[in-house]
Amino acid sequence: MSWRSTAEGWGRTIRLLHWTTVVLVVAQWLLGQYMTGLGTEALSQKFDLYQRHKSLGAVILGLTLLRLLWRLVERTRPAPPPTMPVWQRRAAAASHALLYLLLLAMPVTGFLAAAASPLGIPTVLFGVLPVPHP
């Protein structure tokens, strides 16, 4: 298998980006479920988890942008099966576009929500990179 996609199959690069994104999105969801279930008695732990959540969101955003860039650069893609009806091709393309839109929108809206918080809690990615709020 090549690092680049061919007409017969997806390359290693796009597969690696895809599965890394999947794992991070699942981890992000699990982290969100856990941290929202914590009570007010765990405020310092909650603060650390929220910062980690923001950091993972930034990584997911970066990976998504990298995936989109790779798709623009790498024009070769496997063709859908010739027996696939046109409506299924269109539905697949629409759902794929919607997933990309969500992968871009969720981190951006999460960041904007954090920035708009009246609490004024800063965003510090991975505990070292401060991100100014607009």
N, C-alpha and C. Protein backbone atom coordinates (compact mmCIF):
# COMPACT_ATOMS: atom_id res chain seq x y z
N MET A 1 0.85 -1.18 0.00
CA MET A 1 0.00 0.00 0.00
C MET A 1 0.89 1.24 0.00
N SER A 2 0.54 2.17 -0.82
CA SER A 2 1.29 3.41 -0.98
C SER A 2 0.79 4.47 0.01
N TRP A 3 1.60 5.49 0.23
CA TRP A 3 1.19 6.60 1.06
C TRP A 3 0.16 7.47 0.35
N ARG A 4 0.12 7.38 -0.97
CA ARG A 4 -0.83 8.15 -1.77
C ARG A 4 -1.98 7.26 -2.22
N SER A 5 -3.14 7.85 -2.40
CA SER A 5 -4.31 7.12 -2.85
C SER A 5 -4.17 6.79 -4.33
N THR A 6 -4.84 5.72 -4.72
CA THR A 6 -4.88 5.31 -6.13
C THR A 6 -6.34 5.10 -6.51
N ALA A 7 -6.57 4.77 -7.75
CA ALA A 7 -7.94 4.49 -8.20
C ALA A 7 -8.48 3.22 -7.55
N GLU A 8 -7.58 2.38 -7.01
CA GLU A 8 -8.00 1.12 -6.39
C GLU A 8 -8.23 1.23 -4.88
N GLY A 9 -7.66 2.25 -4.24
CA GLY A 9 -7.84 2.34 -2.79
C GLY A 9 -7.22 3.59 -2.20
N TRP A 10 -7.62 3.87 -0.96
CA TRP A 10 -7.11 5.03 -0.24
C TRP A 10 -5.69 4.76 0.22
N GLY A 11 -4.85 5.79 0.20
CA GLY A 11 -3.47 5.68 0.63
C GLY A 11 -3.31 5.73 2.14
N ARG A 12 -2.11 5.41 2.59
CA ARG A 12 -1.82 5.39 4.02
C ARG A 12 -2.00 6.76 4.67
N THR A 13 -1.63 7.81 3.97
CA THR A 13 -1.70 9.15 4.56
C THR A 13 -3.13 9.51 4.94
N ILE A 14 -4.05 9.36 4.00
CA ILE A 14 -5.43 9.76 4.28
C ILE A 14 -6.07 8.81 5.30
N ARG A 15 -5.67 7.54 5.27
CA ARG A 15 -6.18 6.59 6.27
C ARG A 15 -5.68 6.95 7.66
N LEU A 16 -4.41 7.31 7.76
CA LEU A 16 -3.85 7.70 9.05
C LEU A 16 -4.53 8.96 9.58
N LEU A 17 -4.74 9.94 8.73
CA LEU A 17 -5.45 11.16 9.14
C LEU A 17 -6.88 10.84 9.56
N HIS A 18 -7.54 9.98 8.80
CA HIS A 18 -8.93 9.60 9.08
C HIS A 18 -9.04 8.94 10.45
N TRP A 19 -8.25 7.88 10.68
CA TRP A 19 -8.40 7.12 11.91
C TRP A 19 -7.89 7.87 13.14
N THR A 20 -6.90 8.73 12.96
CA THR A 20 -6.46 9.57 14.06
C THR A 20 -7.58 10.52 14.46
N THR A 21 -8.25 11.09 13.47
CA THR A 21 -9.38 11.98 13.74
C THR A 21 -10.51 11.23 14.44
N VAL A 22 -10.81 10.02 13.98
CA VAL A 22 -11.88 9.23 14.60
C VAL A 22 -11.57 8.98 16.07
N VAL A 23 -10.36 8.55 16.37
CA VAL A 23 -9.97 8.26 17.76
C VAL A 23 -10.06 9.51 18.61
N LEU A 24 -9.60 10.64 18.08
CA LEU A 24 -9.64 11.89 18.85
C LEU A 24 -11.06 12.38 19.07
N VAL A 25 -11.93 12.22 18.08
CA VAL A 25 -13.33 12.64 18.24
C VAL A 25 -14.01 11.79 19.31
N VAL A 26 -13.77 10.49 19.31
CA VAL A 26 -14.35 9.61 20.33
C VAL A 26 -13.79 9.97 21.71
N ALA A 27 -12.47 10.21 21.79
CA ALA A 27 -11.86 10.61 23.06
C ALA A 27 -12.44 11.93 23.54
N GLN A 28 -12.65 12.84 22.61
CA GLN A 28 -13.21 14.16 22.95
C GLN A 28 -14.63 14.01 23.50
N TRP A 29 -15.40 13.15 22.89
CA TRP A 29 -16.77 12.93 23.35
C TRP A 29 -16.77 12.31 24.75
N LEU A 30 -15.92 11.29 24.96
CA LEU A 30 -15.84 10.65 26.27
C LEU A 30 -15.37 11.64 27.34
N LEU A 31 -14.38 12.45 27.00
CA LEU A 31 -13.89 13.46 27.93
C LEU A 31 -14.99 14.46 28.27
N GLY A 32 -15.74 14.88 27.26
CA GLY A 32 -16.85 15.81 27.49
C GLY A 32 -17.91 15.22 28.40
N GLN A 33 -18.24 13.94 28.18
CA GLN A 33 -19.22 13.27 29.04
C GLN A 33 -18.74 13.21 30.48
N TYR A 34 -17.46 12.90 30.65
CA TYR A 34 -16.91 12.77 32.00
C TYR A 34 -16.86 14.13 32.71
N MET A 35 -16.32 15.14 32.04
CA MET A 35 -16.10 16.42 32.73
C MET A 35 -17.41 17.14 33.03
N THR A 36 -18.43 16.96 32.20
CA THR A 36 -19.70 17.63 32.50
C THR A 36 -20.43 16.94 33.64
N GLY A 37 -20.04 15.70 33.94
CA GLY A 37 -20.65 14.99 35.06
C GLY A 37 -20.02 15.30 36.40
N LEU A 38 -18.88 16.00 36.38
CA LEU A 38 -18.23 16.36 37.64
C LEU A 38 -18.98 17.48 38.33
N GLY A 39 -19.02 17.43 39.62
CA GLY A 39 -19.70 18.46 40.40
C GLY A 39 -18.79 19.64 40.68
N THR A 40 -19.30 20.60 41.41
CA THR A 40 -18.54 21.81 41.72
C THR A 40 -17.42 21.54 42.72
N GLU A 41 -17.45 20.40 43.40
CA GLU A 41 -16.39 20.09 44.36
C GLU A 41 -15.07 19.73 43.67
N ALA A 42 -15.09 19.50 42.37
CA ALA A 42 -13.89 19.12 41.61
C ALA A 42 -13.49 20.21 40.63
N LEU A 43 -13.53 21.47 41.07
CA LEU A 43 -13.30 22.59 40.16
C LEU A 43 -11.91 22.60 39.54
N SER A 44 -10.86 22.30 40.31
CA SER A 44 -9.51 22.33 39.72
C SER A 44 -9.35 21.20 38.71
N GLN A 45 -9.89 20.03 39.00
CA GLN A 45 -9.84 18.92 38.04
C GLN A 45 -10.65 19.27 36.80
N LYS A 46 -11.79 19.90 36.99
CA LYS A 46 -12.66 20.29 35.89
C LYS A 46 -11.95 21.32 34.99
N PHE A 47 -11.25 22.28 35.61
CA PHE A 47 -10.51 23.27 34.84
C PHE A 47 -9.46 22.59 33.96
N ASP A 48 -8.70 21.66 34.53
CA ASP A 48 -7.68 20.94 33.77
C ASP A 48 -8.30 20.15 32.62
N LEU A 49 -9.44 19.51 32.87
CA LEU A 49 -10.10 18.72 31.83
C LEU A 49 -10.64 19.61 30.72
N TYR A 50 -11.16 20.78 31.07
CA TYR A 50 -11.64 21.70 30.05
C TYR A 50 -10.49 22.19 29.17
N GLN A 51 -9.34 22.44 29.78
CA GLN A 51 -8.18 22.86 28.99
C GLN A 51 -7.73 21.73 28.05
N ARG A 52 -7.76 20.51 28.56
CA ARG A 52 -7.42 19.35 27.71
C ARG A 52 -8.43 19.20 26.58
N HIS A 53 -9.70 19.42 26.90
CA HIS A 53 -10.77 19.35 25.89
C HIS A 53 -10.54 20.39 24.78
N LYS A 54 -10.17 21.60 25.18
CA LYS A 54 -9.88 22.65 24.20
C LYS A 54 -8.66 22.28 23.35
N SER A 55 -7.65 21.70 23.98
CA SER A 55 -6.44 21.29 23.26
C SER A 55 -6.75 20.22 22.23
N LEU A 56 -7.53 19.23 22.62
CA LEU A 56 -7.91 18.18 21.65
C LEU A 56 -8.75 18.76 20.52
N GLY A 57 -9.61 19.71 20.83
CA GLY A 57 -10.39 20.37 19.79
C GLY A 57 -9.50 21.07 18.78
N ALA A 58 -8.44 21.72 19.26
CA ALA A 58 -7.50 22.39 18.36
C ALA A 58 -6.78 21.38 17.47
N VAL A 59 -6.43 20.23 18.04
CA VAL A 59 -5.76 19.18 17.25
C VAL A 59 -6.72 18.64 16.19
N ILE A 60 -7.97 18.41 16.57
CA ILE A 60 -8.96 17.92 15.60
C ILE A 60 -9.15 18.93 14.47
N LEU A 61 -9.22 20.21 14.82
CA LEU A 61 -9.34 21.25 13.80
C LEU A 61 -8.13 21.22 12.86
N GLY A 62 -6.94 21.14 13.43
CA GLY A 62 -5.72 21.09 12.61
C GLY A 62 -5.68 19.87 11.70
N LEU A 63 -6.05 18.71 12.24
CA LEU A 63 -6.07 17.49 11.42
C LEU A 63 -7.10 17.59 10.30
N THR A 64 -8.24 18.19 10.60
CA THR A 64 -9.28 18.34 9.57
C THR A 64 -8.79 19.25 8.45
N LEU A 65 -8.16 20.36 8.82
CA LEU A 65 -7.61 21.25 7.79
C LEU A 65 -6.52 20.55 6.97
N LEU A 66 -5.70 19.75 7.65
CA LEU A 66 -4.67 18.98 6.95
C LEU A 66 -5.30 17.96 6.00
N ARG A 67 -6.37 17.31 6.43
CA ARG A 67 -7.08 16.35 5.57
C ARG A 67 -7.64 17.04 4.33
N LEU A 68 -8.25 18.20 4.53
CA LEU A 68 -8.81 18.93 3.39
C LEU A 68 -7.72 19.37 2.43
N LEU A 69 -6.61 19.84 2.97
CA LEU A 69 -5.47 20.22 2.13
C LEU A 69 -4.94 19.02 1.36
N TRP A 70 -4.82 17.88 2.04
CA TRP A 70 -4.34 16.67 1.37
C TRP A 70 -5.29 16.26 0.25
N ARG A 71 -6.57 16.37 0.48
CA ARG A 71 -7.55 16.01 -0.56
C ARG A 71 -7.45 16.95 -1.76
N LEU A 72 -7.11 18.21 -1.51
CA LEU A 72 -6.93 19.15 -2.62
C LEU A 72 -5.67 18.83 -3.42
N VAL A 73 -4.61 18.48 -2.71
CA VAL A 73 -3.33 18.19 -3.36
C VAL A 73 -3.39 16.84 -4.08
N GLU A 74 -3.95 15.86 -3.41
CA GLU A 74 -4.01 14.51 -3.97
C GLU A 74 -5.33 14.33 -4.71
N ARG A 75 -5.29 14.41 -5.99
CA ARG A 75 -6.51 14.37 -6.80
C ARG A 75 -7.06 12.95 -7.02
N THR A 76 -6.20 11.95 -6.94
CA THR A 76 -6.63 10.57 -7.21
C THR A 76 -7.42 10.03 -6.04
N ARG A 77 -8.57 9.45 -6.35
CA ARG A 77 -9.43 8.85 -5.33
C ARG A 77 -10.01 7.56 -5.89
N PRO A 78 -10.29 6.61 -5.03
CA PRO A 78 -10.99 5.41 -5.51
C PRO A 78 -12.40 5.78 -5.98
N ALA A 79 -12.80 5.21 -7.06
CA ALA A 79 -14.15 5.46 -7.59
C ALA A 79 -15.16 4.62 -6.81
N PRO A 80 -16.38 5.11 -6.67
CA PRO A 80 -17.41 4.28 -6.03
C PRO A 80 -17.72 3.08 -6.92
N PRO A 81 -18.29 2.04 -6.34
CA PRO A 81 -18.62 0.87 -7.14
C PRO A 81 -19.53 1.25 -8.31
N PRO A 82 -19.28 0.68 -9.48
CA PRO A 82 -20.09 1.05 -10.65
C PRO A 82 -21.57 0.73 -10.50
N THR A 83 -21.90 -0.19 -9.62
CA THR A 83 -23.31 -0.57 -9.43
C THR A 83 -24.03 0.34 -8.43
N MET A 84 -23.30 1.27 -7.82
CA MET A 84 -23.92 2.16 -6.82
C MET A 84 -24.87 3.14 -7.51
N PRO A 85 -26.13 3.20 -7.05
CA PRO A 85 -27.08 4.14 -7.65
C PRO A 85 -26.65 5.59 -7.44
N VAL A 86 -27.10 6.44 -8.33
CA VAL A 86 -26.74 7.86 -8.29
C VAL A 86 -27.19 8.50 -6.98
N TRP A 87 -28.38 8.15 -6.49
CA TRP A 87 -28.87 8.76 -5.25
C TRP A 87 -27.95 8.41 -4.08
N GLN A 88 -27.38 7.21 -4.07
CA GLN A 88 -26.47 6.83 -2.99
C GLN A 88 -25.14 7.59 -3.10
N ARG A 89 -24.69 7.81 -4.31
CA ARG A 89 -23.46 8.61 -4.50
C ARG A 89 -23.67 10.03 -3.98
N ARG A 90 -24.82 10.59 -4.31
CA ARG A 90 -25.13 11.94 -3.85
C ARG A 90 -25.28 11.99 -2.33
N ALA A 91 -25.94 11.00 -1.76
CA ALA A 91 -26.11 10.95 -0.31
C ALA A 91 -24.76 10.78 0.39
N ALA A 92 -23.89 9.96 -0.19
CA ALA A 92 -22.56 9.77 0.38
C ALA A 92 -21.75 11.07 0.32
N ALA A 93 -21.82 11.77 -0.80
CA ALA A 93 -21.09 13.03 -0.94
C ALA A 93 -21.63 14.08 0.04
N ALA A 94 -22.95 14.14 0.18
CA ALA A 94 -23.56 15.11 1.09
C ALA A 94 -23.21 14.81 2.55
N SER A 95 -23.27 13.54 2.93
CA SER A 95 -22.95 13.20 4.32
C SER A 95 -21.46 13.42 4.60
N HIS A 96 -20.62 13.16 3.62
CA HIS A 96 -19.19 13.40 3.77
C HIS A 96 -18.93 14.89 3.96
N ALA A 97 -19.56 15.72 3.16
CA ALA A 97 -19.41 17.17 3.28
C ALA A 97 -19.92 17.65 4.64
N LEU A 98 -21.03 17.09 5.11
CA LEU A 98 -21.58 17.47 6.41
C LEU A 98 -20.62 17.09 7.54
N LEU A 99 -20.02 15.93 7.45
CA LEU A 99 -19.05 15.52 8.47
C LEU A 99 -17.86 16.47 8.51
N TYR A 100 -17.34 16.85 7.34
CA TYR A 100 -16.24 17.82 7.30
C TYR A 100 -16.68 19.15 7.91
N LEU A 101 -17.88 19.59 7.58
CA LEU A 101 -18.39 20.84 8.13
C LEU A 101 -18.46 20.78 9.65
N LEU A 102 -18.94 19.66 10.19
CA LEU A 102 -19.02 19.51 11.64
C LEU A 102 -17.63 19.45 12.27
N LEU A 103 -16.68 18.77 11.61
CA LEU A 103 -15.31 18.69 12.13
C LEU A 103 -14.64 20.06 12.17
N LEU A 104 -15.08 20.96 11.32
CA LEU A 104 -14.57 22.33 11.34
C LEU A 104 -15.36 23.21 12.31
N ALA A 105 -16.67 23.06 12.30
CA ALA A 105 -17.54 23.94 13.09
C ALA A 105 -17.46 23.69 14.59
N MET A 106 -17.37 22.44 14.99
CA MET A 106 -17.38 22.13 16.43
C MET A 106 -16.21 22.77 17.18
N PRO A 107 -14.97 22.61 16.71
CA PRO A 107 -13.88 23.27 17.46
C PRO A 107 -13.98 24.80 17.42
N VAL A 108 -14.39 25.34 16.28
CA VAL A 108 -14.49 26.81 16.17
C VAL A 108 -15.57 27.34 17.10
N THR A 109 -16.74 26.73 17.09
CA THR A 109 -17.82 27.21 17.96
C THR A 109 -17.49 26.96 19.43
N GLY A 110 -16.79 25.86 19.72
CA GLY A 110 -16.36 25.61 21.10
C GLY A 110 -15.41 26.69 21.58
N PHE A 111 -14.46 27.07 20.73
CA PHE A 111 -13.52 28.13 21.09
C PHE A 111 -14.25 29.45 21.29
N LEU A 112 -15.17 29.77 20.38
CA LEU A 112 -15.91 31.02 20.49
C LEU A 112 -16.78 31.05 21.76
N ALA A 113 -17.36 29.91 22.11
CA ALA A 113 -18.16 29.83 23.33
C ALA A 113 -17.28 30.04 24.55
N ALA A 114 -16.09 29.45 24.55
CA ALA A 114 -15.16 29.63 25.67
C ALA A 114 -14.72 31.09 25.75
N ALA A 115 -14.48 31.70 24.59
CA ALA A 115 -14.05 33.09 24.57
C ALA A 115 -15.15 34.03 25.06
N ALA A 116 -16.41 33.67 24.80
CA ALA A 116 -17.53 34.52 25.18
C ALA A 116 -17.98 34.31 26.62
N SER A 117 -17.38 33.34 27.30
CA SER A 117 -17.78 33.04 28.67
C SER A 117 -17.55 34.25 29.58
N PRO A 118 -18.53 34.57 30.43
CA PRO A 118 -18.35 35.71 31.35
C PRO A 118 -17.31 35.42 32.44
N LEU A 119 -16.90 34.16 32.58
CA LEU A 119 -15.92 33.81 33.60
C LEU A 119 -14.51 34.27 33.23
N GLY A 120 -14.26 34.49 31.94
CA GLY A 120 -12.96 34.98 31.50
C GLY A 120 -11.83 33.98 31.67
N ILE A 121 -12.14 32.70 31.58
CA ILE A 121 -11.11 31.66 31.74
C ILE A 121 -10.28 31.61 30.47
N PRO A 122 -8.97 31.72 30.58
CA PRO A 122 -8.12 31.72 29.38
C PRO A 122 -8.07 30.34 28.73
N THR A 123 -7.70 30.33 27.47
CA THR A 123 -7.46 29.08 26.76
C THR A 123 -5.96 28.91 26.63
N VAL A 124 -5.45 27.81 27.20
CA VAL A 124 -4.02 27.51 27.15
C VAL A 124 -3.88 26.08 26.62
N LEU A 125 -3.48 25.96 25.36
CA LEU A 125 -3.40 24.65 24.73
C LEU A 125 -2.23 23.85 25.29
N PHE A 126 -2.53 22.64 25.73
CA PHE A 126 -1.55 21.71 26.30
C PHE A 126 -0.76 22.32 27.45
N GLY A 127 -1.36 23.30 28.11
CA GLY A 127 -0.74 23.92 29.28
C GLY A 127 0.42 24.84 28.97
N VAL A 128 0.72 25.09 27.70
CA VAL A 128 1.89 25.92 27.37
C VAL A 128 1.61 27.01 26.34
N LEU A 129 0.59 26.86 25.52
CA LEU A 129 0.37 27.79 24.42
C LEU A 129 -0.90 28.61 24.67
N PRO A 130 -0.76 29.84 25.18
CA PRO A 130 -1.94 30.66 25.40
C PRO A 130 -2.53 31.13 24.07
N VAL A 131 -3.85 31.04 23.99
CA VAL A 131 -4.55 31.48 22.77
C VAL A 131 -5.43 32.67 23.16
N PRO A 132 -5.14 33.83 22.59
CA PRO A 132 -5.96 35.00 22.96
C PRO A 132 -7.39 34.86 22.46
N HIS A 133 -8.31 35.31 23.27
CA HIS A 133 -9.72 35.30 22.88
C HIS A 133 -10.04 36.57 22.10
N PRO A 134 -10.92 36.45 21.10
CA PRO A 134 -11.30 37.65 20.34
C PRO A 134 -12.14 38.60 21.18
